[in-house]
Amino acid sequence: MSQRQHDMGGMQAGPIESDEHAAEPWAKMITSLAAAMRDHDIMRIDELRRALEDLPEDVYSKDYFERWSEAMVNLLEEKGLLTREEVMGKMDALKAQLEG
């Protein structure tokens, strides 16, 4: 079995940043969407973990909430609920509404 990018057991790691910082609004929305998906039986936490672990290295190295959003979109596609294009279209419409 090949080693995935998240499997870092035994490897040296840098310091953990523990500074307090306010969450960006979009990060709060990702947390809310994940909770709603769990509450409506669209996603289970173990499915999200698996989807996160399946992300390619270039995506896995992104910000925590960027990884979550990518994994959640992948799960929506996997389940045949929404395509990536539909999700991006809804996000673009929401962004336009917020900016307008």
PDB file of N, CA and C in Angstrom:
ATOM      1  N   MET A   1       0.851  -1.168   0.000  1.00  0.00           N
ATOM      2  CA  MET A   1       0.000   0.000   0.000  1.00  0.00           C
ATOM      3  C   MET A   1       0.899   1.234   0.000  1.00  0.00           C
ATOM      4  N   SER A   2       0.547   2.209  -0.851  1.00  0.00           N
ATOM      5  CA  SER A   2       1.373   3.406  -0.936  1.00  0.00           C
ATOM      6  C   SER A   2       1.029   4.382   0.190  1.00  0.00           C
ATOM      7  N   GLN A   3       2.026   5.178   0.543  1.00  0.00           N
ATOM      8  CA  GLN A   3       1.844   6.160   1.603  1.00  0.00           C
ATOM      9  C   GLN A   3       1.167   7.398   1.031  1.00  0.00           C
ATOM     10  N   ARG A   4       0.130   7.877   1.703  1.00  0.00           N
ATOM     11  CA  ARG A   4      -0.550   9.099   1.277  1.00  0.00           C
ATOM     12  C   ARG A   4       0.112  10.302   1.942  1.00  0.00           C
ATOM     13  N   GLN A   5      -0.156  11.486   1.376  1.00  0.00           N
ATOM     14  CA  GLN A   5       0.490  12.698   1.873  1.00  0.00           C
ATOM     15  C   GLN A   5       0.104  13.042   3.304  1.00  0.00           C
ATOM     16  N   HIS A   6      -1.047  12.586   3.785  1.00  0.00           N
ATOM     17  CA  HIS A   6      -1.456  12.903   5.156  1.00  0.00           C
ATOM     18  C   HIS A   6      -0.820  11.975   6.183  1.00  0.00           C
ATOM     19  N   ASP A   7      -0.260  10.857   5.750  1.00  0.00           N
ATOM     20  CA  ASP A   7       0.326   9.872   6.655  1.00  0.00           C
ATOM     21  C   ASP A   7       1.738  10.314   7.017  1.00  0.00           C
ATOM     22  N   MET A   8       1.859  10.991   8.154  1.00  0.00           N
ATOM     23  CA  MET A   8       3.137  11.589   8.529  1.00  0.00           C
ATOM     24  C   MET A   8       3.708  10.960   9.790  1.00  0.00           C
ATOM     25  N   GLY A   9       3.179   9.840  10.191  1.00  0.00           N
ATOM     26  CA  GLY A   9       3.633   9.194  11.418  1.00  0.00           C
ATOM     27  C   GLY A   9       5.137   8.997  11.429  1.00  0.00           C
ATOM     28  N   GLY A  10       5.795   9.461  12.486  1.00  0.00           N
ATOM     29  CA  GLY A  10       7.227   9.285  12.639  1.00  0.00           C
ATOM     30  C   GLY A  10       8.082  10.309  11.931  1.00  0.00           C
ATOM     31  N   MET A  11       7.455  11.171  11.114  1.00  0.00           N
ATOM     32  CA  MET A  11       8.223  12.183  10.390  1.00  0.00           C
ATOM     33  C   MET A  11       8.410  13.414  11.269  1.00  0.00           C
ATOM     34  N   GLN A  12       9.506  14.116  11.059  1.00  0.00           N
ATOM     35  CA  GLN A  12       9.740  15.363  11.768  1.00  0.00           C
ATOM     36  C   GLN A  12       8.744  16.406  11.268  1.00  0.00           C
ATOM     37  N   ALA A  13       8.244  17.196  12.171  1.00  0.00           N
ATOM     38  CA  ALA A  13       7.304  18.256  11.796  1.00  0.00           C
ATOM     39  C   ALA A  13       7.774  19.566  12.395  1.00  0.00           C
ATOM     40  N   GLY A  14       7.341  20.638  11.808  1.00  0.00           N
ATOM     41  CA  GLY A  14       7.691  21.958  12.317  1.00  0.00           C
ATOM     42  C   GLY A  14       6.822  22.322  13.500  1.00  0.00           C
ATOM     43  N   PRO A  15       7.019  23.522  14.005  1.00  0.00           N
ATOM     44  CA  PRO A  15       6.222  23.961  15.148  1.00  0.00           C
ATOM     45  C   PRO A  15       4.753  24.128  14.769  1.00  0.00           C
ATOM     46  N   ILE A  16       3.897  23.943  15.746  1.00  0.00           N
ATOM     47  CA  ILE A  16       2.460  24.118  15.549  1.00  0.00           C
ATOM     48  C   ILE A  16       2.119  25.558  15.896  1.00  0.00           C
ATOM     49  N   GLU A  17       1.453  26.222  14.982  1.00  0.00           N
ATOM     50  CA  GLU A  17       1.049  27.602  15.221  1.00  0.00           C
ATOM     51  C   GLU A  17      -0.193  27.592  16.104  1.00  0.00           C
ATOM     52  N   SER A  18      -0.107  28.206  17.259  1.00  0.00           N
ATOM     53  CA  SER A  18      -1.235  28.195  18.194  1.00  0.00           C
ATOM     54  C   SER A  18      -1.776  29.587  18.467  1.00  0.00           C
ATOM     55  N   ASP A  19      -1.424  30.544  17.625  1.00  0.00           N
ATOM     56  CA  ASP A  19      -1.925  31.903  17.790  1.00  0.00           C
ATOM     57  C   ASP A  19      -3.428  31.952  17.545  1.00  0.00           C
ATOM     58  N   GLU A  20      -4.124  32.735  18.361  1.00  0.00           N
ATOM     59  CA  GLU A  20      -5.556  32.952  18.171  1.00  0.00           C
ATOM     60  C   GLU A  20      -5.751  33.821  16.931  1.00  0.00           C
ATOM     61  N   HIS A  21      -6.749  33.490  16.145  1.00  0.00           N
ATOM     62  CA  HIS A  21      -7.100  34.335  15.013  1.00  0.00           C
ATOM     63  C   HIS A  21      -8.581  34.141  14.697  1.00  0.00           C
ATOM     64  N   ALA A  22      -9.190  35.189  14.212  1.00  0.00           N
ATOM     65  CA  ALA A  22     -10.611  35.131  13.866  1.00  0.00           C
ATOM     66  C   ALA A  22     -10.782  34.340  12.578  1.00  0.00           C
ATOM     67  N   ALA A  23     -11.810  33.519  12.563  1.00  0.00           N
ATOM     68  CA  ALA A  23     -12.095  32.726  11.363  1.00  0.00           C
ATOM     69  C   ALA A  23     -12.690  33.639  10.293  1.00  0.00           C
ATOM     70  N   GLU A  24     -12.293  33.403   9.069  1.00  0.00           N
ATOM     71  CA  GLU A  24     -12.857  34.133   7.932  1.00  0.00           C
ATOM     72  C   GLU A  24     -14.324  33.726   7.780  1.00  0.00           C
ATOM     73  N   PRO A  25     -15.175  34.628   7.284  1.00  0.00           N
ATOM     74  CA  PRO A  25     -16.599  34.272   7.118  1.00  0.00           C
ATOM     75  C   PRO A  25     -16.819  33.025   6.262  1.00  0.00           C
ATOM     76  N   TRP A  26     -16.025  32.878   5.188  1.00  0.00           N
ATOM     77  CA  TRP A  26     -16.223  31.712   4.328  1.00  0.00           C
ATOM     78  C   TRP A  26     -15.852  30.421   5.057  1.00  0.00           C
ATOM     79  N   ALA A  27     -14.886  30.486   5.978  1.00  0.00           N
ATOM     80  CA  ALA A  27     -14.502  29.299   6.747  1.00  0.00           C
ATOM     81  C   ALA A  27     -15.623  28.908   7.705  1.00  0.00           C
ATOM     82  N   LYS A  28     -16.276  29.909   8.292  1.00  0.00           N
ATOM     83  CA  LYS A  28     -17.428  29.635   9.143  1.00  0.00           C
ATOM     84  C   LYS A  28     -18.544  28.990   8.333  1.00  0.00           C
ATOM     85  N   MET A  29     -18.721  29.448   7.086  1.00  0.00           N
ATOM     86  CA  MET A  29     -19.754  28.876   6.231  1.00  0.00           C
ATOM     87  C   MET A  29     -19.445  27.413   5.915  1.00  0.00           C
ATOM     88  N   ILE A  30     -18.188  27.095   5.675  1.00  0.00           N
ATOM     89  CA  ILE A  30     -17.810  25.703   5.396  1.00  0.00           C
ATOM     90  C   ILE A  30     -18.141  24.825   6.592  1.00  0.00           C
ATOM     91  N   THR A  31     -17.858  25.318   7.800  1.00  0.00           N
ATOM     92  CA  THR A  31     -18.182  24.575   9.015  1.00  0.00           C
ATOM     93  C   THR A  31     -19.692  24.361   9.112  1.00  0.00           C
ATOM     94  N   SER A  32     -20.464  25.399   8.821  1.00  0.00           N
ATOM     95  CA  SER A  32     -21.923  25.291   8.867  1.00  0.00           C
ATOM     96  C   SER A  32     -22.450  24.324   7.812  1.00  0.00           C
ATOM     97  N   LEU A  33     -21.895  24.396   6.610  1.00  0.00           N
ATOM     98  CA  LEU A  33     -22.319  23.484   5.547  1.00  0.00           C
ATOM     99  C   LEU A  33     -22.012  22.031   5.908  1.00  0.00           C
ATOM    100  N   ALA A  34     -20.858  21.807   6.501  1.00  0.00           N
ATOM    101  CA  ALA A  34     -20.504  20.442   6.916  1.00  0.00           C
ATOM    102  C   ALA A  34     -21.483  19.937   7.966  1.00  0.00           C
ATOM    103  N   ALA A  35     -21.833  20.785   8.918  1.00  0.00           N
ATOM    104  CA  ALA A  35     -22.795  20.393   9.955  1.00  0.00           C
ATOM    105  C   ALA A  35     -24.163  20.108   9.335  1.00  0.00           C
ATOM    106  N   ALA A  36     -24.596  20.957   8.402  1.00  0.00           N
ATOM    107  CA  ALA A  36     -25.886  20.740   7.739  1.00  0.00           C
ATOM    108  C   ALA A  36     -25.876  19.445   6.933  1.00  0.00           C
ATOM    109  N   MET A  37     -24.766  19.165   6.246  1.00  0.00           N
ATOM    110  CA  MET A  37     -24.671  17.922   5.478  1.00  0.00           C
ATOM    111  C   MET A  37     -24.741  16.710   6.400  1.00  0.00           C
ATOM    112  N   ARG A  38     -24.126  16.802   7.574  1.00  0.00           N
ATOM    113  CA  ARG A  38     -24.212  15.700   8.539  1.00  0.00           C
ATOM    114  C   ARG A  38     -25.631  15.574   9.098  1.00  0.00           C
ATOM    115  N   ASP A  39     -26.242  16.715   9.453  1.00  0.00           N
ATOM    116  CA  ASP A  39     -27.591  16.704  10.030  1.00  0.00           C
ATOM    117  C   ASP A  39     -28.631  16.130   9.075  1.00  0.00           C
ATOM    118  N   HIS A  40     -28.406  16.300   7.780  1.00  0.00           N
ATOM    119  CA  HIS A  40     -29.356  15.818   6.772  1.00  0.00           C
ATOM    120  C   HIS A  40     -28.915  14.503   6.127  1.00  0.00           C
ATOM    121  N   ASP A  41     -28.012  13.808   6.802  1.00  0.00           N
ATOM    122  CA  ASP A  41     -27.521  12.497   6.344  1.00  0.00           C
ATOM    123  C   ASP A  41     -26.976  12.509   4.923  1.00  0.00           C
ATOM    124  N   ILE A  42     -26.372  13.623   4.537  1.00  0.00           N
ATOM    125  CA  ILE A  42     -25.723  13.714   3.231  1.00  0.00           C
ATOM    126  C   ILE A  42     -24.276  13.267   3.347  1.00  0.00           C
ATOM    127  N   MET A  43     -23.696  13.472   4.520  1.00  0.00           N
ATOM    128  CA  MET A  43     -22.283  13.146   4.731  1.00  0.00           C
ATOM    129  C   MET A  43     -22.092  12.692   6.170  1.00  0.00           C
ATOM    130  N   ARG A  44     -21.255  11.695   6.323  1.00  0.00           N
ATOM    131  CA  ARG A  44     -20.844  11.269   7.666  1.00  0.00           C
ATOM    132  C   ARG A  44     -19.393  11.694   7.865  1.00  0.00           C
ATOM    133  N   ILE A  45     -19.003  11.843   9.113  1.00  0.00           N
ATOM    134  CA  ILE A  45     -17.655  12.334   9.410  1.00  0.00           C
ATOM    135  C   ILE A  45     -16.582  11.407   8.852  1.00  0.00           C
ATOM    136  N   ASP A  46     -16.847  10.086   8.856  1.00  0.00           N
ATOM    137  CA  ASP A  46     -15.850   9.163   8.306  1.00  0.00           C
ATOM    138  C   ASP A  46     -15.756   9.297   6.788  1.00  0.00           C
ATOM    139  N   GLU A  47     -16.856   9.676   6.132  1.00  0.00           N
ATOM    140  CA  GLU A  47     -16.803   9.922   4.690  1.00  0.00           C
ATOM    141  C   GLU A  47     -15.959  11.167   4.398  1.00  0.00           C
ATOM    142  N   LEU A  48     -16.145  12.199   5.216  1.00  0.00           N
ATOM    143  CA  LEU A  48     -15.346  13.404   5.029  1.00  0.00           C
ATOM    144  C   LEU A  48     -13.869  13.102   5.243  1.00  0.00           C
ATOM    145  N   ARG A  49     -13.558  12.340   6.270  1.00  0.00           N
ATOM    146  CA  ARG A  49     -12.153  11.985   6.527  1.00  0.00           C
ATOM    147  C   ARG A  49     -11.568  11.232   5.336  1.00  0.00           C
ATOM    148  N   ARG A  50     -12.315  10.276   4.800  1.00  0.00           N
ATOM    149  CA  ARG A  50     -11.833   9.517   3.635  1.00  0.00           C
ATOM    150  C   ARG A  50     -11.658  10.425   2.426  1.00  0.00           C
ATOM    151  N   ALA A  51     -12.615  11.321   2.215  1.00  0.00           N
ATOM    152  CA  ALA A  51     -12.518  12.247   1.082  1.00  0.00           C
ATOM    153  C   ALA A  51     -11.322  13.182   1.239  1.00  0.00           C
ATOM    154  N   LEU A  52     -11.049  13.600   2.477  1.00  0.00           N
ATOM    155  CA  LEU A  52      -9.865  14.433   2.733  1.00  0.00           C
ATOM    156  C   LEU A  52      -8.584  13.658   2.435  1.00  0.00           C
ATOM    157  N   GLU A  53      -8.544  12.408   2.867  1.00  0.00           N
ATOM    158  CA  GLU A  53      -7.343  11.595   2.655  1.00  0.00           C
ATOM    159  C   GLU A  53      -7.140  11.252   1.186  1.00  0.00           C
ATOM    160  N   ASP A  54      -8.208  11.292   0.389  1.00  0.00           N
ATOM    161  CA  ASP A  54      -8.113  10.990  -1.044  1.00  0.00           C
ATOM    162  C   ASP A  54      -7.699  12.191  -1.885  1.00  0.00           C
ATOM    163  N   LEU A  55      -7.619  13.359  -1.284  1.00  0.00           N
ATOM    164  CA  LEU A  55      -7.260  14.550  -2.058  1.00  0.00           C
ATOM    165  C   LEU A  55      -5.839  14.421  -2.601  1.00  0.00           C
ATOM    166  N   PRO A  56      -5.610  14.915  -3.813  1.00  0.00           N
ATOM    167  CA  PRO A  56      -4.243  14.897  -4.349  1.00  0.00           C
ATOM    168  C   PRO A  56      -3.352  15.839  -3.541  1.00  0.00           C
ATOM    169  N   GLU A  57      -2.067  15.610  -3.605  1.00  0.00           N
ATOM    170  CA  GLU A  57      -1.107  16.352  -2.781  1.00  0.00           C
ATOM    171  C   GLU A  57      -1.205  17.863  -2.962  1.00  0.00           C
ATOM    172  N   ASP A  58      -1.434  18.331  -4.209  1.00  0.00           N
ATOM    173  CA  ASP A  58      -1.500  19.777  -4.429  1.00  0.00           C
ATOM    174  C   ASP A  58      -2.703  20.409  -3.731  1.00  0.00           C
ATOM    175  N   VAL A  59      -3.778  19.664  -3.558  1.00  0.00           N
ATOM    176  CA  VAL A  59      -4.947  20.170  -2.832  1.00  0.00           C
ATOM    177  C   VAL A  59      -4.764  19.940  -1.337  1.00  0.00           C
ATOM    178  N   TYR A  60      -4.189  18.800  -0.966  1.00  0.00           N
ATOM    179  CA  TYR A  60      -4.015  18.471   0.450  1.00  0.00           C
ATOM    180  C   TYR A  60      -3.096  19.465   1.159  1.00  0.00           C
ATOM    181  N   SER A  61      -2.230  20.109   0.408  1.00  0.00           N
ATOM    182  CA  SER A  61      -1.308  21.064   1.023  1.00  0.00           C
ATOM    183  C   SER A  61      -1.926  22.451   1.205  1.00  0.00           C
ATOM    184  N   LYS A  62      -3.193  22.619   0.803  1.00  0.00           N
ATOM    185  CA  LYS A  62      -3.868  23.912   0.950  1.00  0.00           C
ATOM    186  C   LYS A  62      -4.371  24.105   2.377  1.00  0.00           C
ATOM    187  N   ASP A  63      -4.967  25.249   2.602  1.00  0.00           N
ATOM    188  CA  ASP A  63      -5.560  25.623   3.882  1.00  0.00           C
ATOM    189  C   ASP A  63      -6.591  24.575   4.333  1.00  0.00           C
ATOM    190  N   TYR A  64      -6.726  24.451   5.642  1.00  0.00           N
ATOM    191  CA  TYR A  64      -7.644  23.496   6.275  1.00  0.00           C
ATOM    192  C   TYR A  64      -9.052  23.550   5.664  1.00  0.00           C
ATOM    193  N   PHE A  65      -9.632  24.746   5.584  1.00  0.00           N
ATOM    194  CA  PHE A  65     -10.998  24.863   5.085  1.00  0.00           C
ATOM    195  C   PHE A  65     -11.077  24.722   3.574  1.00  0.00           C
ATOM    196  N   GLU A  66     -10.015  25.020   2.864  1.00  0.00           N
ATOM    197  CA  GLU A  66      -9.989  24.752   1.422  1.00  0.00           C
ATOM    198  C   GLU A  66     -10.035  23.242   1.183  1.00  0.00           C
ATOM    199  N   ARG A  67      -9.311  22.489   2.002  1.00  0.00           N
ATOM    200  CA  ARG A  67      -9.355  21.016   1.886  1.00  0.00           C
ATOM    201  C   ARG A  67     -10.766  20.513   2.176  1.00  0.00           C
ATOM    202  N   TRP A  68     -11.367  21.026   3.235  1.00  0.00           N
ATOM    203  CA  TRP A  68     -12.729  20.597   3.585  1.00  0.00           C
ATOM    204  C   TRP A  68     -13.683  20.882   2.432  1.00  0.00           C
ATOM    205  N   SER A  69     -13.613  22.081   1.855  1.00  0.00           N
ATOM    206  CA  SER A  69     -14.539  22.419   0.773  1.00  0.00           C
ATOM    207  C   SER A  69     -14.326  21.513  -0.432  1.00  0.00           C
ATOM    208  N   GLU A  70     -13.088  21.241  -0.785  1.00  0.00           N
ATOM    209  CA  GLU A  70     -12.805  20.333  -1.901  1.00  0.00           C
ATOM    210  C   GLU A  70     -13.347  18.930  -1.618  1.00  0.00           C
ATOM    211  N   ALA A  71     -13.127  18.444  -0.406  1.00  0.00           N
ATOM    212  CA  ALA A  71     -13.598  17.107  -0.045  1.00  0.00           C
ATOM    213  C   ALA A  71     -15.122  17.041  -0.067  1.00  0.00           C
ATOM    214  N   MET A  72     -15.783  18.094   0.411  1.00  0.00           N
ATOM    215  CA  MET A  72     -17.239  18.105   0.437  1.00  0.00           C
ATOM    216  C   MET A  72     -17.812  18.140  -0.974  1.00  0.00           C
ATOM    217  N   VAL A  73     -17.212  18.924  -1.859  1.00  0.00           N
ATOM    218  CA  VAL A  73     -17.666  18.946  -3.254  1.00  0.00           C
ATOM    219  C   VAL A  73     -17.471  17.566  -3.885  1.00  0.00           C
ATOM    220  N   ASN A  74     -16.331  16.940  -3.608  1.00  0.00           N
ATOM    221  CA  ASN A  74     -16.091  15.597  -4.143  1.00  0.00           C
ATOM    222  C   ASN A  74     -17.152  14.613  -3.660  1.00  0.00           C
ATOM    223  N   LEU A  75     -17.547  14.716  -2.390  1.00  0.00           N
ATOM    224  CA  LEU A  75     -18.586  13.830  -1.865  1.00  0.00           C
ATOM    225  C   LEU A  75     -19.941  14.098  -2.517  1.00  0.00           C
ATOM    226  N   LEU A  76     -20.280  15.366  -2.727  1.00  0.00           N
ATOM    227  CA  LEU A  76     -21.542  15.698  -3.393  1.00  0.00           C
ATOM    228  C   LEU A  76     -21.572  15.114  -4.806  1.00  0.00           C
ATOM    229  N   GLU A  77     -20.447  15.202  -5.502  1.00  0.00           N
ATOM    230  CA  GLU A  77     -20.352  14.622  -6.847  1.00  0.00           C
ATOM    231  C   GLU A  77     -20.447  13.102  -6.795  1.00  0.00           C
ATOM    232  N   GLU A  78     -19.704  12.506  -5.868  1.00  0.00           N
ATOM    233  CA  GLU A  78     -19.687  11.058  -5.704  1.00  0.00           C
ATOM    234  C   GLU A  78     -21.094  10.505  -5.496  1.00  0.00           C
ATOM    235  N   LYS A  79     -21.888  11.231  -4.713  1.00  0.00           N
ATOM    236  CA  LYS A  79     -23.232  10.791  -4.366  1.00  0.00           C
ATOM    237  C   LYS A  79     -24.262  11.171  -5.434  1.00  0.00           C
ATOM    238  N   GLY A  80     -23.822  11.874  -6.467  1.00  0.00           N
ATOM    239  CA  GLY A  80     -24.717  12.263  -7.547  1.00  0.00           C
ATOM    240  C   GLY A  80     -25.706  13.354  -7.156  1.00  0.00           C
ATOM    241  N   LEU A  81     -25.363  14.139  -6.132  1.00  0.00           N
ATOM    242  CA  LEU A  81     -26.275  15.189  -5.666  1.00  0.00           C
ATOM    243  C   LEU A  81     -26.067  16.508  -6.395  1.00  0.00           C
ATOM    244  N   LEU A  82     -24.820  16.901  -6.591  1.00  0.00           N
ATOM    245  CA  LEU A  82     -24.467  18.117  -7.318  1.00  0.00           C
ATOM    246  C   LEU A  82     -23.148  17.889  -8.040  1.00  0.00           C
ATOM    247  N   THR A  83     -22.990  18.521  -9.183  1.00  0.00           N
ATOM    248  CA  THR A  83     -21.706  18.475  -9.869  1.00  0.00           C
ATOM    249  C   THR A  83     -20.852  19.642  -9.375  1.00  0.00           C
ATOM    250  N   ARG A  84     -19.565  19.564  -9.626  1.00  0.00           N
ATOM    251  CA  ARG A  84     -18.660  20.656  -9.278  1.00  0.00           C
ATOM    252  C   ARG A  84     -19.115  21.941  -9.975  1.00  0.00           C
ATOM    253  N   GLU A  85     -19.542  21.831 -11.224  1.00  0.00           N
ATOM    254  CA  GLU A  85     -19.990  22.998 -11.979  1.00  0.00           C
ATOM    255  C   GLU A  85     -21.219  23.626 -11.320  1.00  0.00           C
ATOM    256  N   GLU A  86     -22.149  22.802 -10.831  1.00  0.00           N
ATOM    257  CA  GLU A  86     -23.327  23.334 -10.151  1.00  0.00           C
ATOM    258  C   GLU A  86     -22.938  24.043  -8.852  1.00  0.00           C
ATOM    259  N   VAL A  87     -22.044  23.446  -8.092  1.00  0.00           N
ATOM    260  CA  VAL A  87     -21.592  24.069  -6.839  1.00  0.00           C
ATOM    261  C   VAL A  87     -20.913  25.395  -7.142  1.00  0.00           C
ATOM    262  N   MET A  88     -20.011  25.416  -8.122  1.00  0.00           N
ATOM    263  CA  MET A  88     -19.295  26.646  -8.456  1.00  0.00           C
ATOM    264  C   MET A  88     -20.267  27.714  -8.968  1.00  0.00           C
ATOM    265  N   GLY A  89     -21.269  27.304  -9.745  1.00  0.00           N
ATOM    266  CA  GLY A  89     -22.282  28.248 -10.224  1.00  0.00           C
ATOM    267  C   GLY A  89     -23.053  28.871  -9.077  1.00  0.00           C
ATOM    268  N   LYS A  90     -23.420  28.058  -8.094  1.00  0.00           N
ATOM    269  CA  LYS A  90     -24.130  28.576  -6.913  1.00  0.00           C
ATOM    270  C   LYS A  90     -23.223  29.508  -6.105  1.00  0.00           C
ATOM    271  N   MET A  91     -21.945  29.154  -5.990  1.00  0.00           N
ATOM    272  CA  MET A  91     -21.005  30.014  -5.263  1.00  0.00           C
ATOM    273  C   MET A  91     -20.810  31.341  -5.990  1.00  0.00           C
ATOM    274  N   ASP A  92     -20.714  31.302  -7.319  1.00  0.00           N
ATOM    275  CA  ASP A  92     -20.569  32.535  -8.093  1.00  0.00           C
ATOM    276  C   ASP A  92     -21.799  33.428  -7.933  1.00  0.00           C
ATOM    277  N   ALA A  93     -22.992  32.828  -7.938  1.00  0.00           N
ATOM    278  CA  ALA A  93     -24.233  33.593  -7.764  1.00  0.00           C
ATOM    279  C   ALA A  93     -24.277  34.219  -6.372  1.00  0.00           C
ATOM    280  N   LEU A  94     -23.876  33.462  -5.353  1.00  0.00           N
ATOM    281  CA  LEU A  94     -23.856  33.986  -4.001  1.00  0.00           C
ATOM    282  C   LEU A  94     -22.852  35.120  -3.866  1.00  0.00           C
ATOM    283  N   LYS A  95     -21.678  34.948  -4.458  1.00  0.00           N
ATOM    284  CA  LYS A  95     -20.649  35.989  -4.411  1.00  0.00           C
ATOM    285  C   LYS A  95     -21.151  37.267  -5.086  1.00  0.00           C
ATOM    286  N   ALA A  96     -21.809  37.125  -6.235  1.00  0.00           N
ATOM    287  CA  ALA A  96     -22.341  38.291  -6.944  1.00  0.00           C
ATOM    288  C   ALA A  96     -23.405  38.994  -6.114  1.00  0.00           C
ATOM    289  N   GLN A  97     -24.223  38.210  -5.455  1.00  0.00           N
ATOM    290  CA  GLN A  97     -25.279  38.769  -4.600  1.00  0.00           C
ATOM    291  C   GLN A  97     -24.672  39.540  -3.421  1.00  0.00           C
ATOM    292  N   LEU A  98     -23.638  38.992  -2.812  1.00  0.00           N
ATOM    293  CA  LEU A  98     -23.006  39.648  -1.685  1.00  0.00           C
ATOM    294  C   LEU A  98     -22.245  40.908  -2.101  1.00  0.00           C
ATOM    295  N   GLU A  99     -21.680  40.893  -3.289  1.00  0.00           N
ATOM    296  CA  GLU A  99     -20.937  42.051  -3.782  1.00  0.00           C
ATOM    297  C   GLU A  99     -21.849  43.140  -4.315  1.00  0.00           C
ATOM    298  N   GLY A 100     -23.065  42.756  -4.760  1.00  0.00           N
ATOM    299  CA  GLY A 100     -23.997  43.709  -5.374  1.00  0.00           C
ATOM    300  C   GLY A 100     -24.820  44.398  -4.405  1.00  0.00           C
TER     301      GLY A 100
END
